[in-house]
Protein backbone atom coordinates (compact mmCIF):
# COMPACT_ATOMS: atom_id res chain seq x y z
CA MET A 1 105.86 143.17 94.14
CA THR A 2 104.58 139.68 93.29
CA HIS A 3 102.83 137.80 96.07
CA THR A 4 103.41 134.16 95.11
CA PRO A 5 101.08 131.78 96.94
CA PRO A 6 102.88 129.12 99.01
CA ASP A 7 103.06 125.37 98.60
CA LEU A 8 101.90 125.20 95.00
CA SER A 9 101.64 121.87 93.20
CA PRO A 10 103.00 121.47 89.67
CA ALA A 11 99.41 121.55 88.41
CA PHE A 12 98.81 125.05 89.78
CA PRO A 13 98.02 127.52 86.96
CA ALA A 14 100.80 129.94 87.91
CA GLU A 15 100.57 131.94 84.68
CA ALA A 16 96.85 132.51 85.19
CA TRP A 17 97.42 133.57 88.80
CA ALA A 18 100.12 136.05 87.75
CA ARG A 19 97.84 137.38 85.01
CA LEU A 20 95.07 137.97 87.55
CA GLU A 21 97.49 139.72 89.90
CA ALA A 22 98.62 142.08 87.16
CA THR A 23 95.03 142.76 86.12
CA LEU A 24 93.61 143.36 89.58
CA CYS A 25 96.54 145.39 90.88
CA GLY A 26 96.41 147.48 87.71
CA LEU A 27 92.72 148.28 88.27
CA ALA A 28 92.95 149.10 91.97
CA ALA A 29 93.24 152.69 93.18
CA GLY A 30 96.39 152.44 95.24
CA LYS A 31 95.65 149.23 97.09
CA ARG A 32 91.87 149.64 97.24
CA PHE A 33 88.93 148.53 95.14
CA ALA A 34 85.22 147.99 95.74
CA LEU A 35 83.63 144.65 94.94
CA ALA A 36 80.02 143.75 94.17
CA TYR A 37 79.85 140.88 96.63
CA SER A 38 77.13 138.24 96.66
CA GLY A 39 79.03 135.75 98.80
CA GLY A 40 79.16 133.34 95.86
CA LEU A 41 82.27 131.61 94.58
CA ASP A 42 83.33 134.24 92.06
CA SER A 43 83.06 137.34 94.25
CA ARG A 44 84.61 135.51 97.23
CA PHE A 45 87.50 134.40 95.07
CA LEU A 46 88.11 137.92 93.79
CA ALA A 47 88.17 139.24 97.37
CA HIS A 48 90.44 136.35 98.40
CA ALA A 49 92.82 137.01 95.51
CA GLY A 50 92.87 140.70 96.34
CA GLN A 51 93.94 139.91 99.89
CA ARG A 52 96.61 137.53 98.58
CA PHE A 53 97.95 140.29 96.35
CA GLY A 54 98.20 142.73 99.25
CA LEU A 55 95.12 144.76 98.28
CA ASP A 56 92.28 146.04 100.46
CA PRO A 57 88.90 145.13 98.92
CA LEU A 58 85.72 146.82 100.14
CA LEU A 59 82.79 144.39 99.88
CA LEU A 60 79.40 145.76 98.80
CA HIS A 61 76.33 143.55 99.24
CA VAL A 62 72.72 144.06 98.17
CA HIS A 63 69.96 142.25 100.01
CA GLY A 64 66.26 142.17 99.22
CA PRO A 65 63.42 139.82 98.25
CA HIS A 66 65.45 138.51 95.31
CA VAL A 67 68.19 137.14 97.58
CA ALA A 68 67.74 134.16 99.90
CA PRO A 69 68.35 135.26 103.52
CA GLU A 70 70.76 132.35 103.98
CA GLU A 71 72.88 133.72 101.12
CA SER A 72 73.19 137.12 102.77
CA ALA A 73 73.96 135.52 106.13
CA SER A 74 76.66 133.37 104.54
CA ALA A 75 78.14 136.41 102.78
CA ARG A 76 78.34 138.29 106.08
CA ALA A 77 79.91 135.33 107.87
CA TRP A 78 82.69 134.94 105.30
CA ALA A 79 83.46 138.66 105.33
CA ARG A 80 83.79 138.50 109.13
CA LEU A 81 85.99 135.42 108.88
CA ARG A 82 88.33 137.26 106.54
CA GLY A 83 88.22 140.56 108.42
CA LEU A 84 86.97 142.36 105.32
CA PRO A 85 84.89 145.55 105.48
CA LEU A 86 81.33 145.02 104.26
CA LEU A 87 78.75 147.65 103.34
CA GLU A 88 75.16 146.60 102.69
CA THR A 89 72.23 148.22 100.97
CA GLU A 90 68.64 147.04 100.60
CA ALA A 91 66.86 147.04 97.25
CA ASP A 92 63.55 145.81 95.90
CA PRO A 93 63.94 145.03 92.19
CA LEU A 94 60.32 143.85 92.11
CA SER A 95 59.39 147.54 91.87
CA LEU A 96 61.07 147.80 88.45
CA PRO A 97 58.53 147.52 85.57
CA GLU A 98 60.60 144.99 83.62
CA VAL A 99 61.01 142.77 86.67
CA ALA A 100 57.38 143.09 87.74
CA ALA A 101 56.28 141.99 84.26
CA GLY A 102 58.73 139.09 84.08
CA ASP A 103 60.16 140.65 80.93
CA ARG A 104 63.10 138.94 79.21
CA GLY A 105 65.06 142.08 80.00
CA ARG A 106 64.44 141.73 83.75
CA CYS A 107 68.04 140.79 84.52
CA TYR A 108 69.38 143.77 82.59
CA ALA A 109 67.01 146.20 84.34
CA CYS A 110 67.79 144.71 87.74
CA LYS A 111 71.55 144.84 87.22
CA ARG A 112 71.42 148.47 86.09
CA GLU A 113 69.48 149.44 89.21
CA LEU A 114 71.58 147.44 91.67
CA PHE A 115 74.97 148.33 90.23
CA GLY A 116 73.94 151.97 90.10
CA ARG A 117 73.41 151.80 93.86
CA LEU A 118 76.69 149.99 94.39
CA ARG A 119 78.54 152.62 92.40
CA GLU A 120 77.27 155.22 94.87
CA LEU A 121 78.40 153.05 97.80
CA ALA A 122 81.83 152.64 96.21
CA ALA A 123 82.32 156.41 96.62
CA GLY A 124 84.82 156.76 93.80
CA LEU A 125 86.70 153.49 94.26
CA PRO A 126 87.02 151.27 91.18
CA LEU A 127 84.00 148.94 91.29
CA CYS A 128 84.60 145.32 90.27
CA ASP A 129 82.31 142.35 89.86
CA GLY A 130 82.84 138.60 89.65
CA SER A 131 81.91 138.07 86.00
CA ASN A 132 84.33 135.56 84.50
CA ALA A 133 85.35 134.12 81.16
CA SER A 134 82.88 131.24 81.46
CA ASP A 135 79.98 133.72 81.41
CA ALA A 136 80.84 134.84 77.87
CA GLY A 137 79.40 131.71 76.28
CA GLN A 138 76.10 131.87 78.16
CA TYR A 139 73.00 134.05 78.01
CA ARG A 140 73.81 136.78 80.53
CA PRO A 141 71.76 139.93 79.76
CA GLY A 142 73.02 141.51 82.97
CA LEU A 143 76.52 141.71 81.49
CA ARG A 144 75.33 144.49 79.18
CA ALA A 145 74.42 146.59 82.21
CA VAL A 146 77.83 145.88 83.74
CA ARG A 147 79.58 147.12 80.60
CA GLU A 148 77.35 150.19 80.23
CA LEU A 149 78.01 151.30 83.80
CA GLY A 150 81.76 150.86 83.51
CA ILE A 151 81.96 148.09 86.10
CA LEU A 152 85.28 146.25 85.95
CA SER A 153 85.45 142.46 85.60
CA PRO A 154 89.02 141.41 86.51
CA LEU A 155 88.34 137.68 86.27
CA ALA A 156 87.03 137.97 82.72
CA LEU A 157 89.82 140.37 81.75
CA ALA A 158 92.41 137.90 83.04
CA GLY A 159 90.78 135.00 81.18
CA PHE A 160 89.64 133.21 84.34
CA GLY A 161 86.80 130.73 83.90
CA LYS A 162 85.19 128.52 86.53
CA ALA A 163 87.88 125.85 86.25
CA GLU A 164 90.71 128.31 86.94
CA ILE A 165 88.75 129.92 89.77
CA ARG A 166 88.19 126.60 91.54
CA ARG A 167 91.77 125.40 91.03
CA CYS A 168 93.35 128.63 92.24
CA ALA A 169 90.90 128.95 95.13
CA ALA A 170 91.74 125.45 96.37
CA ALA A 171 95.50 125.84 95.88
CA THR A 172 95.66 129.18 97.71
CA GLY A 173 93.60 128.18 100.73
CA MET A 174 90.20 129.74 100.06
CA GLU A 175 87.34 128.20 102.00
CA ASN A 176 84.83 126.06 100.07
CA PRO A 177 86.31 126.22 96.57
CA ASP A 178 83.62 123.81 95.33
CA GLN A 179 80.77 126.17 96.24
CA ARG A 180 77.83 125.88 93.85
CA ALA A 181 76.08 128.83 92.27
CA ARG A 182 72.91 130.15 93.90
CA PRO A 183 71.71 132.85 91.51
CA CYS A 184 69.03 135.47 92.09
CA LEU A 185 65.65 134.00 93.08
CA LEU A 186 63.98 135.72 90.12
CA THR A 187 65.66 133.15 87.87
CA ARG A 188 63.40 130.50 89.43
CA LEU A 189 60.42 132.00 87.59
CA PRO A 190 59.63 131.80 83.87
CA TYR A 191 59.53 134.91 81.75
CA GLY A 192 56.09 136.47 81.81
CA MET A 193 55.32 135.51 85.41
CA LYS A 194 54.87 138.33 87.94
CA PRO A 195 57.14 137.77 90.95
CA GLU A 196 55.57 137.88 94.40
CA LYS A 197 57.58 138.35 97.58
CA ASP A 198 55.88 135.50 99.43
CA VAL A 199 56.54 133.10 96.55
CA LEU A 200 60.21 134.10 96.38
CA ALA A 201 60.47 133.60 100.14
CA ALA A 202 58.88 130.17 99.81
CA LEU A 203 61.34 129.20 97.07
CA ALA A 204 64.26 130.33 99.23
CA GLN A 205 63.00 128.41 102.26
CA GLY A 206 62.29 125.35 100.14
CA GLU A 207 65.80 125.35 98.70
CA GLU A 208 67.32 125.66 102.16
CA ALA A 209 65.23 122.68 103.30
CA VAL A 210 66.41 120.69 100.26
CA ARG A 211 70.03 121.62 100.95
CA ARG A 212 69.74 120.34 104.51
CA PHE A 213 67.96 117.17 103.38
CA LEU A 214 70.61 116.35 100.77
CA ALA A 215 73.46 117.20 103.15
CA ALA A 216 72.01 114.78 105.70
CA ALA A 217 71.96 112.16 102.92
CA GLY A 218 75.68 112.68 102.31
CA TRP A 219 75.56 115.00 99.30
CA GLU A 220 78.40 117.54 99.38
CA GLU A 221 77.68 120.82 97.58
CA PRO A 222 74.56 119.54 95.79
CA GLU A 223 73.45 121.52 92.74
CA PHE A 224 69.72 122.10 92.41
CA ARG A 225 67.01 124.71 91.82
CA LEU A 226 63.40 124.88 93.01
CA ARG A 227 61.44 126.52 90.19
CA LEU A 228 57.94 127.50 89.24
CA THR A 229 57.99 126.29 85.65
CA ALA A 230 54.47 127.55 84.87
CA PRO A 231 51.46 128.90 86.80
CA GLY A 232 50.43 126.18 89.24
CA ARG A 233 53.42 123.96 88.47
CA ALA A 234 56.63 123.61 90.49
CA GLU A 235 59.67 121.44 89.84
CA LEU A 236 62.79 120.67 91.84
CA HIS A 237 65.65 120.32 89.36
CA VAL A 238 68.58 118.30 90.68
CA ALA A 239 71.90 117.90 88.89
CA ALA A 240 72.43 114.16 88.74
CA ALA A 241 73.66 111.74 86.10
CA LYS A 242 70.93 109.21 86.91
CA PRO A 243 67.46 109.26 88.51
CA LEU A 244 67.28 109.54 92.29
CA ALA A 245 66.43 106.54 94.43
CA PRO A 246 62.67 106.16 95.09
CA ASP A 247 63.02 106.81 98.83
CA MET A 248 64.93 110.05 98.19
CA LEU A 249 62.36 111.16 95.62
CA GLU A 250 59.57 110.49 98.07
CA GLY A 251 61.38 112.30 100.87
CA LEU A 252 62.02 115.41 98.78
CA GLU A 253 58.48 115.59 97.44
CA LYS A 254 57.01 115.16 100.92
CA LEU A 255 59.36 117.82 102.29
CA LEU A 256 58.33 120.42 99.72
CA ALA A 257 54.63 119.58 99.60
CA ALA A 258 54.24 120.91 103.16
CA ASP A 259 54.44 124.58 102.07
CA PRO A 260 51.00 125.88 100.99
CA ARG A 261 52.57 128.84 99.16
CA LEU A 262 53.87 126.55 96.41
CA PRO A 263 52.32 123.83 94.26
CA ALA A 264 53.49 120.35 95.24
CA PRO A 265 56.59 119.94 93.04
CA ARG A 266 57.82 117.00 91.07
CA VAL A 267 61.52 116.17 91.22
CA VAL A 268 63.43 116.14 87.93
CA THR A 269 67.08 115.17 87.43
CA MET A 270 69.06 116.86 84.66
CA GLU A 271 72.67 117.35 83.66
CA THR A 272 72.52 121.12 83.13
CA ILE A 273 70.85 123.17 85.85
CA SER A 274 71.57 126.77 84.91
CA GLY A 275 69.79 128.74 82.20
CA PHE A 276 66.66 126.57 82.26
CA PHE A 277 64.25 129.27 81.07
CA ASP A 278 66.66 130.46 78.39
CA ARG A 279 66.83 127.08 76.68
CA ALA A 280 64.43 126.29 73.85
CA GLY A 281 61.27 124.46 74.86
CA ASN A 282 61.22 125.65 78.47
CA ALA A 283 58.77 128.53 78.13
CA PRO A 284 55.61 128.17 80.23
CA SER A 285 52.64 126.65 78.47
């Protein structure tokens, strides 16, 4: 049975939506599937679509020092809002040798460990993740772990990229379809740097302070990252087409300089926020 979403505009990608329905319903065991759930846009959308298609997703969430507490809290709140079952497990990827060394394979090692745990939590249900077609053109070493473990990626299989996800999410009534990505805190550190729990906590708290500051200034869904770009050097990277006003720069720098766990950062505007340490010329000096 096809569950057609109501009140669709002519611009709605109906073929893509139908393709996702066929893919997800074909992967589910009966009406059930397990979902690696971060609370980000992609995993929320997959859970939302599953509900729209009459399925019963089981959300699986990992929390630990690599995840900002606000992200886990937001993930729990949305699951409650939707009445979706949520199972949580705690993990410390900093104990993995590749992660502790800041190796370029840290994401792969982390994903293998975390998805291995989630597979156990899934207890035989098909386990899906939110990888999508837009990820294919980017450096995503964790995708290799996903493939090796047999994790299913319905969005990628159905050809859904970020644009389709946002359009379908908005058209079918999902909350906050413009949500920005907030990846693992380990991505705020350059390769070769040993991660410390107190530093990761400081980065998470700093980003939450920045989010509140920018929201108060009228920014909706601002995109930014607070990073340690080298030992003793921190930078706040803000997605903006032009430099920030001097008073905003001063306010952000003053806000972040108050935390003794981090070097006083400089604020840098850039067009592309993600993948900073994977782009040429951004290795620590």
